[in-house]
Amino acid sequence: MIIVVEGISAAGKTTWCHQRAGEYLIKESYPEKRPDRHADPSEAARLWTEWNAKRWSDAVAMERAKGLAVCDTDPLKLHFIWALWQVGEAQEADWLSQLEFSRAAVSDRRLGFADRYMFKTIDPLLAQQQRDRDTARPRPNFGLHLRLHNSLVRWYETIAKVMPERLIWGLPGMLPSIEMTANPRRYDLPLFDRFIGLLPGRSGGP
């Protein structure tokens, strides 16, 4: 079983993961040199997809070994470039390029849908207060993350439209019970396409 924990920076997801996930945790991570989509959008999309696929592979390996993996942020990570496009911080071509690479990775079973998504919504003022109290973690892009919050909520609302049983709003007091049955929709490409088709466009319309 693979669980994804999501929310903007300072929402409390990483704290929850460290307190609840323990040995099952797949930490949020980034390449040492982050791809530059301004220099080469297509190559950046490819490299990000490869990194995301590595995190997914780590989650699958953890699940195989221990029955459960808890991911601090979604390995698919496609929501991020979509949200950047929604707020005008990325071009539509950037979104479409990473979508193309990610779709191919789902088709190849190198990325997939999680079994549970837990999304922590948060009031921007509270997030700001939590950021200010957490002096141990630098958050240089915190202002941008606040702007992304509503778009990320829309992304997971769309997840709930196609997989309502998969989404939990908020972070529960304990981990959900482990499901041992195989997930037949993990690499369901028609479901992926349906989900993408339901996402709002840049203007906020369908």
Protein backbone atom coordinates (compact mmCIF):
# COMPACT_ATOMS: atom_id res chain seq x y z
CA MET A 1 0.00 0.00 0.00
CA ILE A 2 1.33 3.42 -0.97
CA ILE A 3 0.10 6.53 0.84
CA VAL A 4 0.79 10.08 -0.33
CA VAL A 5 0.78 13.00 2.12
CA GLU A 6 0.32 16.39 0.50
CA GLY A 7 -0.11 20.07 1.27
CA ILE A 8 1.78 23.30 0.77
CA SER A 9 4.99 24.20 2.56
CA ALA A 10 4.43 24.66 6.33
CA ALA A 11 1.09 22.84 6.25
CA GLY A 12 2.50 20.24 8.64
CA LYS A 13 2.81 17.26 6.30
CA THR A 14 6.50 16.59 6.92
CA THR A 15 6.05 16.82 10.69
CA TRP A 16 3.13 14.39 10.46
CA CYS A 17 5.17 12.01 8.31
CA HIS A 18 8.06 11.97 10.76
CA GLN A 19 5.72 11.42 13.70
CA ARG A 20 3.49 8.78 12.11
CA ALA A 21 5.23 7.09 9.18
CA GLY A 22 8.42 5.94 10.89
CA GLU A 23 10.18 3.16 9.00
CA TYR A 24 7.72 3.43 6.10
CA LEU A 25 8.64 7.00 5.15
CA ILE A 26 9.76 8.01 1.66
CA LYS A 27 11.15 11.48 2.30
CA GLU A 28 10.63 14.44 0.02
CA SER A 29 13.80 14.87 -2.00
CA TYR A 30 15.22 16.78 -4.93
CA PRO A 31 18.15 16.36 -7.32
CA GLU A 32 21.30 18.15 -6.22
CA LYS A 33 21.13 20.31 -9.33
CA ARG A 34 17.53 21.11 -10.11
CA PRO A 35 16.58 21.07 -13.81
CA ASP A 36 16.13 24.52 -15.33
CA ARG A 37 12.93 24.65 -17.35
CA HIS A 38 13.78 28.17 -18.55
CA ALA A 39 16.95 26.94 -20.25
CA ASP A 40 15.45 23.77 -21.77
CA PRO A 41 11.79 23.11 -20.91
CA SER A 42 11.61 19.66 -22.51
CA GLU A 43 14.81 18.40 -20.92
CA ALA A 44 13.75 19.79 -17.54
CA ALA A 45 10.43 17.97 -17.84
CA ARG A 46 12.22 14.74 -18.71
CA LEU A 47 14.67 15.04 -15.83
CA TRP A 48 11.96 15.87 -13.30
CA THR A 49 9.95 12.88 -14.49
CA GLU A 50 13.00 10.64 -14.08
CA TRP A 51 13.50 11.92 -10.54
CA ASN A 52 9.84 11.41 -9.73
CA ALA A 53 10.00 7.88 -11.16
CA LYS A 54 12.95 7.14 -8.86
CA ARG A 55 10.90 8.20 -5.83
CA TRP A 56 8.01 6.03 -7.03
CA SER A 57 10.39 3.11 -7.44
CA ASP A 58 11.60 3.66 -3.88
CA ALA A 59 7.98 3.62 -2.68
CA VAL A 60 7.20 0.41 -4.56
CA ALA A 61 10.32 -1.22 -3.12
CA MET A 62 9.35 -0.13 0.40
CA GLU A 63 5.84 -1.47 -0.12
CA ARG A 64 7.21 -4.78 -1.38
CA ALA A 65 9.53 -5.11 1.61
CA LYS A 66 7.28 -3.85 4.40
CA GLY A 67 3.73 -3.73 3.05
CA LEU A 68 3.48 0.05 3.27
CA ALA A 69 5.17 3.19 1.97
CA VAL A 70 4.27 6.72 3.06
CA CYS A 71 5.43 9.42 0.66
CA ASP A 72 6.05 12.95 1.87
CA THR A 73 4.67 14.59 -1.30
CA ASP A 74 3.37 12.71 -4.30
CA PRO A 75 6.07 10.99 -6.38
CA LEU A 76 4.01 11.73 -9.49
CA LYS A 77 4.53 15.44 -8.66
CA LEU A 78 2.67 16.50 -11.79
CA HIS A 79 0.47 18.73 -9.68
CA PHE A 80 3.34 21.15 -9.11
CA ILE A 81 3.95 22.22 -12.70
CA TRP A 82 0.19 22.34 -13.29
CA ALA A 83 -0.26 24.61 -10.27
CA LEU A 84 2.62 26.81 -11.44
CA TRP A 85 0.86 27.16 -14.78
CA GLN A 86 -2.40 28.00 -13.02
CA VAL A 87 -0.84 30.96 -11.20
CA GLY A 88 1.16 32.18 -14.20
CA GLU A 89 4.57 30.98 -13.00
CA ALA A 90 4.99 28.45 -15.82
CA GLN A 91 3.99 28.28 -19.45
CA GLU A 92 1.34 25.92 -20.77
CA ALA A 93 4.09 24.28 -22.83
CA ASP A 94 5.96 23.46 -19.59
CA TRP A 95 2.87 21.74 -18.21
CA LEU A 96 2.16 19.85 -21.43
CA SER A 97 5.76 18.70 -21.75
CA GLN A 98 5.89 17.23 -18.26
CA LEU A 99 2.43 15.76 -18.76
CA GLU A 100 3.69 13.92 -21.84
CA PHE A 101 6.70 12.46 -20.04
CA SER A 102 4.65 11.56 -16.97
CA ARG A 103 1.94 9.87 -19.01
CA ALA A 104 4.58 7.75 -20.72
CA ALA A 105 5.99 6.83 -17.30
CA VAL A 106 2.53 5.74 -16.11
CA SER A 107 2.15 3.67 -19.27
CA ASP A 108 5.51 2.04 -18.51
CA ARG A 109 4.52 1.51 -14.85
CA ARG A 110 7.29 3.80 -13.66
CA LEU A 111 4.81 6.23 -12.08
CA GLY A 112 1.32 5.58 -10.81
CA PHE A 113 -1.62 6.44 -8.60
CA ALA A 114 -1.25 5.96 -4.86
CA ASP A 115 -3.67 3.89 -2.80
CA ARG A 116 -4.47 6.80 -0.47
CA TYR A 117 -4.00 10.54 -0.72
CA MET A 118 -4.08 12.63 2.44
CA PHE A 119 -4.20 16.35 1.74
CA LYS A 120 -3.80 18.99 4.43
CA THR A 121 -5.57 22.23 3.61
CA ILE A 122 -4.46 25.21 5.68
CA ASP A 123 -5.33 28.85 6.16
CA PRO A 124 -2.53 31.01 4.70
CA LEU A 125 -2.16 32.97 7.94
CA LEU A 126 -1.71 29.78 9.95
CA ALA A 127 0.82 28.49 7.43
CA GLN A 128 2.72 31.77 7.80
CA GLN A 129 2.71 31.41 11.58
CA GLN A 130 3.94 27.83 11.39
CA ARG A 131 6.67 28.85 8.95
CA ASP A 132 7.81 31.60 11.33
CA ARG A 133 8.01 29.18 14.26
CA ASP A 134 9.99 26.60 12.31
CA THR A 135 13.39 28.26 12.19
CA ALA A 136 15.19 24.98 11.43
CA ARG A 137 13.91 24.73 7.86
CA PRO A 138 14.62 27.40 5.25
CA ARG A 139 11.62 28.03 2.99
CA PRO A 140 12.87 30.44 0.33
CA ASN A 141 9.84 29.93 -1.93
CA PHE A 142 7.22 30.09 0.78
CA GLY A 143 5.32 32.98 -0.81
CA LEU A 144 4.97 31.01 -4.02
CA HIS A 145 3.71 27.96 -2.12
CA LEU A 146 0.98 30.07 -0.54
CA ARG A 147 -0.13 31.10 -4.02
CA LEU A 148 -0.23 27.46 -5.12
CA HIS A 149 -2.53 26.30 -2.33
CA ASN A 150 -5.86 26.80 -4.11
CA SER A 151 -4.60 25.14 -7.28
CA LEU A 152 -3.35 22.14 -5.32
CA VAL A 153 -6.75 21.84 -3.65
CA ARG A 154 -8.39 21.81 -7.09
CA TRP A 155 -5.97 19.09 -8.21
CA TYR A 156 -6.93 16.81 -5.34
CA GLU A 157 -10.61 17.67 -5.67
CA THR A 158 -10.24 16.28 -9.18
CA ILE A 159 -8.53 13.17 -7.80
CA ALA A 160 -11.62 12.77 -5.61
CA LYS A 161 -13.89 12.95 -8.65
CA VAL A 162 -12.27 9.93 -10.30
CA MET A 163 -11.20 8.04 -7.15
CA PRO A 164 -13.38 9.27 -4.27
CA GLU A 165 -12.39 6.36 -2.07
CA ARG A 166 -8.72 7.32 -2.28
CA LEU A 167 -8.76 10.86 -0.86
CA ILE A 168 -8.67 11.85 2.81
CA TRP A 169 -8.91 15.56 3.59
CA GLY A 170 -6.63 16.30 6.53
CA LEU A 171 -4.06 14.25 8.39
CA PRO A 172 -5.55 11.59 10.69
CA GLY A 173 -4.19 10.75 14.11
CA MET A 174 -2.79 7.45 12.89
CA LEU A 175 -1.88 5.69 9.69
CA PRO A 176 -4.76 4.09 7.76
CA SER A 177 -5.02 0.33 7.96
CA ILE A 178 -2.75 -1.44 5.50
CA GLU A 179 -4.57 -2.93 2.53
CA MET A 180 -2.93 -6.10 1.29
CA THR A 181 -4.95 -6.48 -1.92
CA ALA A 182 -3.38 -5.35 -5.17
CA ASN A 183 -4.48 -2.01 -6.57
CA PRO A 184 -5.83 -2.62 -10.09
CA ARG A 185 -5.96 1.10 -10.90
CA ARG A 186 -2.39 2.01 -10.01
CA TYR A 187 -1.27 2.20 -13.64
CA ASP A 188 -4.69 2.72 -15.24
CA LEU A 189 -3.91 4.92 -18.25
CA PRO A 190 -7.56 5.58 -19.25
CA LEU A 191 -8.19 6.69 -15.66
CA PHE A 192 -5.14 8.94 -15.83
CA ASP A 193 -6.43 10.48 -19.07
CA ARG A 194 -9.88 10.98 -17.58
CA PHE A 195 -8.39 12.67 -14.54
CA ILE A 196 -6.28 15.03 -16.67
CA GLY A 197 -9.30 15.83 -18.82
CA LEU A 198 -11.28 16.92 -15.76
CA LEU A 199 -8.66 19.40 -14.53
CA PRO A 200 -9.63 23.06 -14.85
CA GLY A 201 -7.96 25.02 -17.62
CA ARG A 202 -5.73 28.04 -17.08
CA SER A 203 -8.73 30.37 -16.91
CA GLY A 204 -10.31 28.28 -14.18
CA GLY A 205 -12.95 26.87 -16.51
CA PRO A 206 -13.38 23.17 -17.32
